[in-house]
Amino acid sequence: MADQNLPENEQDPGANTQMFKAFVNEGETTAPAKPNGRIIAIAAAAVLLVVVIVLIAVL
């Protein structure tokens, strides 16, 4: 069976800090989140509820 340990003069490329930082920074280029349709519907329902309450109070 072959010895899977690296010789002392070779470094594990997966342990390279620069490679790790590049991997982490790779996922940071995401687009900003767009408003969800559900959030818009909840906001519209809240505005409608306020309008109905004001109309009831005025009448």
PDB file of N, CA and C in Angstrom:
ATOM      1  N   MET A   1       0.855  -1.173   0.000  1.00  0.00           N
ATOM      2  CA  MET A   1       0.000   0.000   0.000  1.00  0.00           C
ATOM      3  C   MET A   1       0.897   1.230   0.000  1.00  0.00           C
ATOM      4  N   ALA A   2       0.560   2.209  -0.800  1.00  0.00           N
ATOM      5  CA  ALA A   2       1.376   3.424  -0.928  1.00  0.00           C
ATOM      6  C   ALA A   2       1.146   4.352   0.261  1.00  0.00           C
ATOM      7  N   ASP A   3       2.205   5.020   0.654  1.00  0.00           N
ATOM      8  CA  ASP A   3       2.123   5.990   1.738  1.00  0.00           C
ATOM      9  C   ASP A   3       1.518   7.285   1.183  1.00  0.00           C
ATOM     10  N   GLN A   4       0.401   7.732   1.733  1.00  0.00           N
ATOM     11  CA  GLN A   4      -0.294   8.898   1.201  1.00  0.00           C
ATOM     12  C   GLN A   4       0.157  10.207   1.844  1.00  0.00           C
ATOM     13  N   ASN A   5       1.096  10.157   2.767  1.00  0.00           N
ATOM     14  CA  ASN A   5       1.599  11.378   3.392  1.00  0.00           C
ATOM     15  C   ASN A   5       2.522  12.105   2.427  1.00  0.00           C
ATOM     16  N   LEU A   6       2.466  13.423   2.419  1.00  0.00           N
ATOM     17  CA  LEU A   6       3.331  14.218   1.561  1.00  0.00           C
ATOM     18  C   LEU A   6       4.731  14.277   2.147  1.00  0.00           C
ATOM     19  N   PRO A   7       5.727  14.299   1.299  1.00  0.00           N
ATOM     20  CA  PRO A   7       7.093  14.486   1.812  1.00  0.00           C
ATOM     21  C   PRO A   7       7.216  15.841   2.498  1.00  0.00           C
ATOM     22  N   GLU A   8       8.196  15.974   3.354  1.00  0.00           N
ATOM     23  CA  GLU A   8       8.344  17.195   4.135  1.00  0.00           C
ATOM     24  C   GLU A   8       8.601  18.438   3.287  1.00  0.00           C
ATOM     25  N   ASN A   9       9.183  18.266   2.108  1.00  0.00           N
ATOM     26  CA  ASN A   9       9.514  19.430   1.288  1.00  0.00           C
ATOM     27  C   ASN A   9       8.351  19.881   0.394  1.00  0.00           C
ATOM     28  N   GLU A  10       7.249  19.147   0.359  1.00  0.00           N
ATOM     29  CA  GLU A  10       6.077  19.544  -0.427  1.00  0.00           C
ATOM     30  C   GLU A  10       4.970  20.026   0.495  1.00  0.00           C
ATOM     31  N   GLN A  11       4.266  21.053   0.039  1.00  0.00           N
ATOM     32  CA  GLN A  11       3.159  21.582   0.836  1.00  0.00           C
ATOM     33  C   GLN A  11       1.833  21.156   0.227  1.00  0.00           C
ATOM     34  N   ASP A  12       0.846  21.021   1.061  1.00  0.00           N
ATOM     35  CA  ASP A  12      -0.496  20.697   0.607  1.00  0.00           C
ATOM     36  C   ASP A  12      -1.106  21.939  -0.041  1.00  0.00           C
ATOM     37  N   PRO A  13      -1.441  21.924  -1.326  1.00  0.00           N
ATOM     38  CA  PRO A  13      -2.009  23.124  -1.959  1.00  0.00           C
ATOM     39  C   PRO A  13      -3.365  23.501  -1.372  1.00  0.00           C
ATOM     40  N   GLY A  14      -4.075  22.560  -0.783  1.00  0.00           N
ATOM     41  CA  GLY A  14      -5.356  22.867  -0.158  1.00  0.00           C
ATOM     42  C   GLY A  14      -5.190  23.675   1.115  1.00  0.00           C
ATOM     43  N   ALA A  15      -4.005  23.662   1.680  1.00  0.00           N
ATOM     44  CA  ALA A  15      -3.747  24.413   2.901  1.00  0.00           C
ATOM     45  C   ALA A  15      -3.174  25.790   2.608  1.00  0.00           C
ATOM     46  N   ASN A  16      -3.081  26.163   1.349  1.00  0.00           N
ATOM     47  CA  ASN A  16      -2.541  27.447   0.944  1.00  0.00           C
ATOM     48  C   ASN A  16      -3.547  28.541   1.277  1.00  0.00           C
ATOM     49  N   THR A  17      -3.128  29.521   2.042  1.00  0.00           N
ATOM     50  CA  THR A  17      -4.019  30.592   2.477  1.00  0.00           C
ATOM     51  C   THR A  17      -4.537  31.414   1.308  1.00  0.00           C
ATOM     52  N   GLN A  18      -3.688  31.693   0.335  1.00  0.00           N
ATOM     53  CA  GLN A  18      -4.120  32.485  -0.812  1.00  0.00           C
ATOM     54  C   GLN A  18      -5.174  31.744  -1.625  1.00  0.00           C
ATOM     55  N   MET A  19      -5.008  30.452  -1.786  1.00  0.00           N
ATOM     56  CA  MET A  19      -5.997  29.681  -2.529  1.00  0.00           C
ATOM     57  C   MET A  19      -7.317  29.637  -1.774  1.00  0.00           C
ATOM     58  N   PHE A  20      -7.247  29.537  -0.451  1.00  0.00           N
ATOM     59  CA  PHE A  20      -8.467  29.515   0.349  1.00  0.00           C
ATOM     60  C   PHE A  20      -9.198  30.850   0.252  1.00  0.00           C
ATOM     61  N   LYS A  21      -8.457  31.959   0.347  1.00  0.00           N
ATOM     62  CA  LYS A  21      -9.078  33.281   0.229  1.00  0.00           C
ATOM     63  C   LYS A  21      -9.716  33.463  -1.141  1.00  0.00           C
ATOM     64  N   ALA A  22      -9.064  32.985  -2.183  1.00  0.00           N
ATOM     65  CA  ALA A  22      -9.632  33.082  -3.528  1.00  0.00           C
ATOM     66  C   ALA A  22     -10.919  32.277  -3.613  1.00  0.00           C
ATOM     67  N   PHE A  23     -10.944  31.111  -2.978  1.00  0.00           N
ATOM     68  CA  PHE A  23     -12.151  30.283  -2.969  1.00  0.00           C
ATOM     69  C   PHE A  23     -13.289  30.982  -2.243  1.00  0.00           C
ATOM     70  N   VAL A  24     -13.000  31.602  -1.101  1.00  0.00           N
ATOM     71  CA  VAL A  24     -14.029  32.288  -0.323  1.00  0.00           C
ATOM     72  C   VAL A  24     -14.538  33.517  -1.072  1.00  0.00           C
ATOM     73  N   ASN A  25     -13.628  34.280  -1.677  1.00  0.00           N
ATOM     74  CA  ASN A  25     -14.022  35.486  -2.395  1.00  0.00           C
ATOM     75  C   ASN A  25     -14.782  35.175  -3.667  1.00  0.00           C
ATOM     76  N   GLU A  26     -14.662  33.977  -4.179  1.00  0.00           N
ATOM     77  CA  GLU A  26     -15.345  33.583  -5.403  1.00  0.00           C
ATOM     78  C   GLU A  26     -16.858  33.666  -5.252  1.00  0.00           C
ATOM     79  N   GLY A  27     -17.385  33.338  -4.089  1.00  0.00           N
ATOM     80  CA  GLY A  27     -18.828  33.345  -3.867  1.00  0.00           C
ATOM     81  C   GLY A  27     -19.394  34.699  -3.510  1.00  0.00           C
ATOM     82  N   GLU A  28     -18.563  35.727  -3.367  1.00  0.00           N
ATOM     83  CA  GLU A  28     -19.043  37.032  -2.940  1.00  0.00           C
ATOM     84  C   GLU A  28     -19.598  37.876  -4.082  1.00  0.00           C
ATOM     85  N   THR A  29     -19.502  37.428  -5.295  1.00  0.00           N
ATOM     86  CA  THR A  29     -19.964  38.219  -6.426  1.00  0.00           C
ATOM     87  C   THR A  29     -21.393  37.860  -6.799  1.00  0.00           C
ATOM     88  N   THR A  30     -22.285  37.864  -5.826  1.00  0.00           N
ATOM     89  CA  THR A  30     -23.683  37.563  -6.085  1.00  0.00           C
ATOM     90  C   THR A  30     -24.451  38.860  -6.333  1.00  0.00           C
ATOM     91  N   ALA A  31     -25.500  38.756  -7.104  1.00  0.00           N
ATOM     92  CA  ALA A  31     -26.323  39.920  -7.413  1.00  0.00           C
ATOM     93  C   ALA A  31     -27.149  40.294  -6.185  1.00  0.00           C
ATOM     94  N   PRO A  32     -27.466  41.577  -6.020  1.00  0.00           N
ATOM     95  CA  PRO A  32     -28.317  41.965  -4.896  1.00  0.00           C
ATOM     96  C   PRO A  32     -29.698  41.323  -5.016  1.00  0.00           C
ATOM     97  N   ALA A  33     -30.263  41.005  -3.886  1.00  0.00           N
ATOM     98  CA  ALA A  33     -31.555  40.318  -3.867  1.00  0.00           C
ATOM     99  C   ALA A  33     -32.659  41.243  -4.369  1.00  0.00           C
ATOM    100  N   LYS A  34     -33.511  40.693  -5.204  1.00  0.00           N
ATOM    101  CA  LYS A  34     -34.652  41.446  -5.719  1.00  0.00           C
ATOM    102  C   LYS A  34     -35.814  41.272  -4.752  1.00  0.00           C
ATOM    103  N   PRO A  35     -36.707  42.268  -4.686  1.00  0.00           N
ATOM    104  CA  PRO A  35     -37.851  42.124  -3.791  1.00  0.00           C
ATOM    105  C   PRO A  35     -38.687  40.900  -4.177  1.00  0.00           C
ATOM    106  N   ASN A  36     -39.017  40.140  -3.197  1.00  0.00           N
ATOM    107  CA  ASN A  36     -39.800  38.939  -3.395  1.00  0.00           C
ATOM    108  C   ASN A  36     -41.263  39.319  -3.631  1.00  0.00           C
ATOM    109  N   GLY A  37     -41.975  38.588  -4.450  1.00  0.00           N
ATOM    110  CA  GLY A  37     -43.391  38.852  -4.706  1.00  0.00           C
ATOM    111  C   GLY A  37     -44.220  38.747  -3.440  1.00  0.00           C
ATOM    112  N   ARG A  38     -43.810  37.869  -2.556  1.00  0.00           N
ATOM    113  CA  ARG A  38     -44.548  37.694  -1.296  1.00  0.00           C
ATOM    114  C   ARG A  38     -44.407  38.927  -0.411  1.00  0.00           C
ATOM    115  N   ILE A  39     -43.226  39.511  -0.392  1.00  0.00           N
ATOM    116  CA  ILE A  39     -42.999  40.717   0.417  1.00  0.00           C
ATOM    117  C   ILE A  39     -43.835  41.869  -0.123  1.00  0.00           C
ATOM    118  N   ILE A  40     -43.892  41.994  -1.448  1.00  0.00           N
ATOM    119  CA  ILE A  40     -44.693  43.051  -2.063  1.00  0.00           C
ATOM    120  C   ILE A  40     -46.165  42.850  -1.736  1.00  0.00           C
ATOM    121  N   ALA A  41     -46.642  41.611  -1.770  1.00  0.00           N
ATOM    122  CA  ALA A  41     -48.045  41.319  -1.459  1.00  0.00           C
ATOM    123  C   ALA A  41     -48.368  41.653  -0.006  1.00  0.00           C
ATOM    124  N   ILE A  42     -47.463  41.354   0.912  1.00  0.00           N
ATOM    125  CA  ILE A  42     -47.691  41.660   2.332  1.00  0.00           C
ATOM    126  C   ILE A  42     -47.727  43.174   2.547  1.00  0.00           C
ATOM    127  N   ALA A  43     -46.831  43.898   1.880  1.00  0.00           N
ATOM    128  CA  ALA A  43     -46.812  45.353   2.007  1.00  0.00           C
ATOM    129  C   ALA A  43     -48.087  45.949   1.444  1.00  0.00           C
ATOM    130  N   ALA A  44     -48.541  45.453   0.316  1.00  0.00           N
ATOM    131  CA  ALA A  44     -49.783  45.958  -0.283  1.00  0.00           C
ATOM    132  C   ALA A  44     -50.971  45.666   0.621  1.00  0.00           C
ATOM    133  N   ALA A  45     -51.009  44.491   1.225  1.00  0.00           N
ATOM    134  CA  ALA A  45     -52.099  44.142   2.141  1.00  0.00           C
ATOM    135  C   ALA A  45     -52.088  45.043   3.368  1.00  0.00           C
ATOM    136  N   ALA A  46     -50.903  45.393   3.867  1.00  0.00           N
ATOM    137  CA  ALA A  46     -50.800  46.271   5.030  1.00  0.00           C
ATOM    138  C   ALA A  46     -51.308  47.672   4.688  1.00  0.00           C
ATOM    139  N   VAL A  47     -50.946  48.167   3.509  1.00  0.00           N
ATOM    140  CA  VAL A  47     -51.426  49.495   3.085  1.00  0.00           C
ATOM    141  C   VAL A  47     -52.935  49.479   2.915  1.00  0.00           C
ATOM    142  N   LEU A  48     -53.463  48.440   2.307  1.00  0.00           N
ATOM    143  CA  LEU A  48     -54.905  48.318   2.123  1.00  0.00           C
ATOM    144  C   LEU A  48     -55.622  48.256   3.469  1.00  0.00           C
ATOM    145  N   LEU A  49     -55.060  47.556   4.427  1.00  0.00           N
ATOM    146  CA  LEU A  49     -55.657  47.461   5.760  1.00  0.00           C
ATOM    147  C   LEU A  49     -55.711  48.834   6.424  1.00  0.00           C
ATOM    148  N   VAL A  50     -54.648  49.619   6.304  1.00  0.00           N
ATOM    149  CA  VAL A  50     -54.631  50.962   6.881  1.00  0.00           C
ATOM    150  C   VAL A  50     -55.678  51.840   6.220  1.00  0.00           C
ATOM    151  N   VAL A  51     -55.818  51.734   4.904  1.00  0.00           N
ATOM    152  CA  VAL A  51     -56.827  52.542   4.181  1.00  0.00           C
ATOM    153  C   VAL A  51     -58.225  52.160   4.642  1.00  0.00           C
ATOM    154  N   VAL A  52     -58.498  50.881   4.802  1.00  0.00           N
ATOM    155  CA  VAL A  52     -59.831  50.436   5.245  1.00  0.00           C
ATOM    156  C   VAL A  52     -60.104  50.928   6.657  1.00  0.00           C
ATOM    157  N   ILE A  53     -59.142  50.873   7.548  1.00  0.00           N
ATOM    158  CA  ILE A  53     -59.335  51.337   8.924  1.00  0.00           C
ATOM    159  C   ILE A  53     -59.604  52.832   8.947  1.00  0.00           C
ATOM    160  N   VAL A  54     -58.875  53.600   8.144  1.00  0.00           N
ATOM    161  CA  VAL A  54     -59.096  55.051   8.084  1.00  0.00           C
ATOM    162  C   VAL A  54     -60.485  55.343   7.535  1.00  0.00           C
ATOM    163  N   LEU A  55     -60.904  54.637   6.494  1.00  0.00           N
ATOM    164  CA  LEU A  55     -62.249  54.859   5.933  1.00  0.00           C
ATOM    165  C   LEU A  55     -63.341  54.534   6.935  1.00  0.00           C
ATOM    166  N   ILE A  56     -63.167  53.468   7.706  1.00  0.00           N
ATOM    167  CA  ILE A  56     -64.160  53.102   8.723  1.00  0.00           C
ATOM    168  C   ILE A  56     -64.215  54.174   9.810  1.00  0.00           C
ATOM    169  N   ALA A  57     -63.056  54.703  10.203  1.00  0.00           N
ATOM    170  CA  ALA A  57     -63.004  55.712  11.256  1.00  0.00           C
ATOM    171  C   ALA A  57     -63.645  57.018  10.782  1.00  0.00           C
ATOM    172  N   VAL A  58     -63.496  57.368   9.533  1.00  0.00           N
ATOM    173  CA  VAL A  58     -64.033  58.618   8.995  1.00  0.00           C
ATOM    174  C   VAL A  58     -65.535  58.514   8.812  1.00  0.00           C
ATOM    175  N   LEU A  59     -66.038  57.391   8.386  1.00  0.00           N
ATOM    176  CA  LEU A  59     -67.476  57.239   8.127  1.00  0.00           C
ATOM    177  C   LEU A  59     -68.145  57.022   9.424  1.00  0.00           C
TER     178      LEU A  59
END
